[in-house]
Amino acid sequence: MRMGGRMGNDRVKVQNLKVMRIIADKNLIVVSGSIPGAKNSFVVLEK
């Protein structure tokens, strides 16, 4: 019998997000758009 598989460890790349603000003293980058993933997870930014 075919069953659903595990889909929890995939990397997803999202393009065309806008950087709205950089707060240097708190090490924050504010991004406008939808970012996939769970809450409190790591996000990797690439050029």
PDB file of N, CA and C in Angstrom:
ATOM      1  N   MET A   1       0.847  -1.170   0.000  1.00  0.00           N
ATOM      2  CA  MET A   1       0.000   0.000   0.000  1.00  0.00           C
ATOM      3  C   MET A   1       0.897   1.239   0.000  1.00  0.00           C
ATOM      4  N   ARG A   2       0.601   2.196  -0.853  1.00  0.00           N
ATOM      5  CA  ARG A   2       1.389   3.427  -0.906  1.00  0.00           C
ATOM      6  C   ARG A   2       0.887   4.389   0.160  1.00  0.00           C
ATOM      7  N   MET A   3       1.864   4.964   0.883  1.00  0.00           N
ATOM      8  CA  MET A   3       1.511   5.881   1.961  1.00  0.00           C
ATOM      9  C   MET A   3       2.306   7.173   1.768  1.00  0.00           C
ATOM     10  N   GLY A   4       1.902   8.199   2.466  1.00  0.00           N
ATOM     11  CA  GLY A   4       2.602   9.474   2.393  1.00  0.00           C
ATOM     12  C   GLY A   4       3.975   9.377   3.040  1.00  0.00           C
ATOM     13  N   GLY A   5       4.932  10.138   2.535  1.00  0.00           N
ATOM     14  CA  GLY A   5       6.289  10.106   3.046  1.00  0.00           C
ATOM     15  C   GLY A   5       6.572  11.264   3.980  1.00  0.00           C
ATOM     16  N   ARG A   6       7.804  11.355   4.393  1.00  0.00           N
ATOM     17  CA  ARG A   6       8.239  12.395   5.314  1.00  0.00           C
ATOM     18  C   ARG A   6       8.712  13.594   4.518  1.00  0.00           C
ATOM     19  N   MET A   7       8.206  14.798   4.839  1.00  0.00           N
ATOM     20  CA  MET A   7       8.576  16.007   4.105  1.00  0.00           C
ATOM     21  C   MET A   7       8.991  17.111   5.070  1.00  0.00           C
ATOM     22  N   GLY A   8       9.784  16.810   6.085  1.00  0.00           N
ATOM     23  CA  GLY A   8      10.099  17.827   7.064  1.00  0.00           C
ATOM     24  C   GLY A   8      11.487  18.405   6.972  1.00  0.00           C
ATOM     25  N   ASN A   9      12.352  17.859   6.141  1.00  0.00           N
ATOM     26  CA  ASN A   9      13.741  18.285   6.159  1.00  0.00           C
ATOM     27  C   ASN A   9      14.181  18.851   4.807  1.00  0.00           C
ATOM     28  N   ASP A  10      13.289  19.479   4.068  1.00  0.00           N
ATOM     29  CA  ASP A  10      13.614  20.027   2.761  1.00  0.00           C
ATOM     30  C   ASP A  10      13.988  21.496   2.896  1.00  0.00           C
ATOM     31  N   ARG A  11      14.995  21.914   2.114  1.00  0.00           N
ATOM     32  CA  ARG A  11      15.337  23.336   2.059  1.00  0.00           C
ATOM     33  C   ARG A  11      14.523  23.987   0.951  1.00  0.00           C
ATOM     34  N   VAL A  12      13.966  25.132   1.248  1.00  0.00           N
ATOM     35  CA  VAL A  12      13.136  25.859   0.298  1.00  0.00           C
ATOM     36  C   VAL A  12      13.763  27.222   0.082  1.00  0.00           C
ATOM     37  N   LYS A  13      13.901  27.618  -1.173  1.00  0.00           N
ATOM     38  CA  LYS A  13      14.454  28.933  -1.485  1.00  0.00           C
ATOM     39  C   LYS A  13      13.329  29.822  -2.018  1.00  0.00           C
ATOM     40  N   VAL A  14      13.172  30.988  -1.414  1.00  0.00           N
ATOM     41  CA  VAL A  14      12.150  31.949  -1.810  1.00  0.00           C
ATOM     42  C   VAL A  14      12.864  33.177  -2.362  1.00  0.00           C
ATOM     43  N   GLN A  15      12.449  33.610  -3.542  1.00  0.00           N
ATOM     44  CA  GLN A  15      13.083  34.757  -4.172  1.00  0.00           C
ATOM     45  C   GLN A  15      12.172  35.972  -4.103  1.00  0.00           C
ATOM     46  N   ASN A  16      12.751  37.144  -4.375  1.00  0.00           N
ATOM     47  CA  ASN A  16      12.038  38.424  -4.482  1.00  0.00           C
ATOM     48  C   ASN A  16      11.404  38.872  -3.172  1.00  0.00           C
ATOM     49  N   LEU A  17      12.071  38.616  -2.045  1.00  0.00           N
ATOM     50  CA  LEU A  17      11.636  39.185  -0.774  1.00  0.00           C
ATOM     51  C   LEU A  17      12.337  40.524  -0.584  1.00  0.00           C
ATOM     52  N   LYS A  18      11.676  41.459   0.057  1.00  0.00           N
ATOM     53  CA  LYS A  18      12.248  42.792   0.236  1.00  0.00           C
ATOM     54  C   LYS A  18      12.752  42.958   1.664  1.00  0.00           C
ATOM     55  N   VAL A  19      13.969  43.476   1.790  1.00  0.00           N
ATOM     56  CA  VAL A  19      14.523  43.820   3.101  1.00  0.00           C
ATOM     57  C   VAL A  19      14.009  45.213   3.442  1.00  0.00           C
ATOM     58  N   MET A  20      13.193  45.302   4.464  1.00  0.00           N
ATOM     59  CA  MET A  20      12.562  46.570   4.819  1.00  0.00           C
ATOM     60  C   MET A  20      13.443  47.416   5.732  1.00  0.00           C
ATOM     61  N   ARG A  21      14.111  46.771   6.689  1.00  0.00           N
ATOM     62  CA  ARG A  21      14.871  47.525   7.680  1.00  0.00           C
ATOM     63  C   ARG A  21      15.944  46.614   8.261  1.00  0.00           C
ATOM     64  N   ILE A  22      17.077  47.206   8.621  1.00  0.00           N
ATOM     65  CA  ILE A  22      18.139  46.491   9.326  1.00  0.00           C
ATOM     66  C   ILE A  22      18.370  47.205  10.648  1.00  0.00           C
ATOM     67  N   ILE A  23      18.215  46.484  11.736  1.00  0.00           N
ATOM     68  CA  ILE A  23      18.416  47.044  13.075  1.00  0.00           C
ATOM     69  C   ILE A  23      19.722  46.456  13.590  1.00  0.00           C
ATOM     70  N   ALA A  24      20.796  47.229  13.513  1.00  0.00           N
ATOM     71  CA  ALA A  24      22.139  46.722  13.786  1.00  0.00           C
ATOM     72  C   ALA A  24      22.370  46.447  15.268  1.00  0.00           C
ATOM     73  N   ASP A  25      21.817  47.265  16.154  1.00  0.00           N
ATOM     74  CA  ASP A  25      22.114  47.077  17.575  1.00  0.00           C
ATOM     75  C   ASP A  25      21.441  45.838  18.155  1.00  0.00           C
ATOM     76  N   LYS A  26      20.368  45.339  17.518  1.00  0.00           N
ATOM     77  CA  LYS A  26      19.702  44.113  17.969  1.00  0.00           C
ATOM     78  C   LYS A  26      19.967  42.925  17.050  1.00  0.00           C
ATOM     79  N   ASN A  27      20.783  43.116  16.002  1.00  0.00           N
ATOM     80  CA  ASN A  27      21.099  42.071  15.013  1.00  0.00           C
ATOM     81  C   ASN A  27      19.841  41.516  14.359  1.00  0.00           C
ATOM     82  N   LEU A  28      18.964  42.410  13.889  1.00  0.00           N
ATOM     83  CA  LEU A  28      17.714  42.012  13.256  1.00  0.00           C
ATOM     84  C   LEU A  28      17.669  42.489  11.813  1.00  0.00           C
ATOM     85  N   ILE A  29      17.064  41.681  10.955  1.00  0.00           N
ATOM     86  CA  ILE A  29      16.777  42.055   9.576  1.00  0.00           C
ATOM     87  C   ILE A  29      15.281  41.861   9.376  1.00  0.00           C
ATOM     88  N   VAL A  30      14.573  42.926   9.026  1.00  0.00           N
ATOM     89  CA  VAL A  30      13.127  42.876   8.839  1.00  0.00           C
ATOM     90  C   VAL A  30      12.864  42.628   7.357  1.00  0.00           C
ATOM     91  N   VAL A  31      12.150  41.529   7.062  1.00  0.00           N
ATOM     92  CA  VAL A  31      11.893  41.112   5.687  1.00  0.00           C
ATOM     93  C   VAL A  31      10.400  41.157   5.430  1.00  0.00           C
ATOM     94  N   SER A  32      10.020  41.717   4.279  1.00  0.00           N
ATOM     95  CA  SER A  32       8.621  41.758   3.883  1.00  0.00           C
ATOM     96  C   SER A  32       8.338  40.591   2.952  1.00  0.00           C
ATOM     97  N   GLY A  33       7.423  39.734   3.336  1.00  0.00           N
ATOM     98  CA  GLY A  33       7.050  38.594   2.521  1.00  0.00           C
ATOM     99  C   GLY A  33       6.863  37.356   3.371  1.00  0.00           C
ATOM    100  N   SER A  34       6.482  36.293   2.724  1.00  0.00           N
ATOM    101  CA  SER A  34       6.202  35.038   3.418  1.00  0.00           C
ATOM    102  C   SER A  34       7.449  34.170   3.438  1.00  0.00           C
ATOM    103  N   ILE A  35       7.857  33.738   4.627  1.00  0.00           N
ATOM    104  CA  ILE A  35       9.032  32.893   4.793  1.00  0.00           C
ATOM    105  C   ILE A  35       8.552  31.524   5.264  1.00  0.00           C
ATOM    106  N   PRO A  36       8.869  30.456   4.515  1.00  0.00           N
ATOM    107  CA  PRO A  36       8.411  29.124   4.922  1.00  0.00           C
ATOM    108  C   PRO A  36       9.192  28.598   6.114  1.00  0.00           C
ATOM    109  N   GLY A  37       8.584  27.725   6.874  1.00  0.00           N
ATOM    110  CA  GLY A  37       9.253  27.108   8.013  1.00  0.00           C
ATOM    111  C   GLY A  37       8.481  27.288   9.295  1.00  0.00           C
ATOM    112  N   ALA A  38       8.956  26.631  10.319  1.00  0.00           N
ATOM    113  CA  ALA A  38       8.307  26.691  11.622  1.00  0.00           C
ATOM    114  C   ALA A  38       8.721  27.958  12.366  1.00  0.00           C
ATOM    115  N   LYS A  39       7.985  28.294  13.388  1.00  0.00           N
ATOM    116  CA  LYS A  39       8.339  29.422  14.235  1.00  0.00           C
ATOM    117  C   LYS A  39       9.612  29.100  15.005  1.00  0.00           C
ATOM    118  N   ASN A  40      10.419  30.125  15.269  1.00  0.00           N
ATOM    119  CA  ASN A  40      11.698  30.012  15.983  1.00  0.00           C
ATOM    120  C   ASN A  40      12.699  29.108  15.275  1.00  0.00           C
ATOM    121  N   SER A  41      12.650  29.052  13.964  1.00  0.00           N
ATOM    122  CA  SER A  41      13.615  28.277  13.202  1.00  0.00           C
ATOM    123  C   SER A  41      14.612  29.229  12.542  1.00  0.00           C
ATOM    124  N   PHE A  42      15.704  28.686  12.028  1.00  0.00           N
ATOM    125  CA  PHE A  42      16.749  29.496  11.424  1.00  0.00           C
ATOM    126  C   PHE A  42      16.415  29.797   9.973  1.00  0.00           C
ATOM    127  N   VAL A  43      16.811  30.995   9.535  1.00  0.00           N
ATOM    128  CA  VAL A  43      16.621  31.419   8.154  1.00  0.00           C
ATOM    129  C   VAL A  43      17.990  31.829   7.627  1.00  0.00           C
ATOM    130  N   VAL A  44      18.338  31.327   6.446  1.00  0.00           N
ATOM    131  CA  VAL A  44      19.617  31.645   5.805  1.00  0.00           C
ATOM    132  C   VAL A  44      19.346  32.639   4.690  1.00  0.00           C
ATOM    133  N   LEU A  45      20.036  33.774   4.712  1.00  0.00           N
ATOM    134  CA  LEU A  45      19.894  34.787   3.678  1.00  0.00           C
ATOM    135  C   LEU A  45      21.065  34.682   2.719  1.00  0.00           C
ATOM    136  N   GLU A  46      20.770  34.689   1.426  1.00  0.00           N
ATOM    137  CA  GLU A  46      21.801  34.642   0.401  1.00  0.00           C
ATOM    138  C   GLU A  46      21.678  35.860  -0.497  1.00  0.00           C
ATOM    139  N   LYS A  47      22.764  36.183  -1.156  1.00  0.00           N
ATOM    140  CA  LYS A  47      22.744  37.299  -2.088  1.00  0.00           C
ATOM    141  C   LYS A  47      22.191  36.849  -3.410  1.00  0.00           C
TER     142      LYS A  47
END
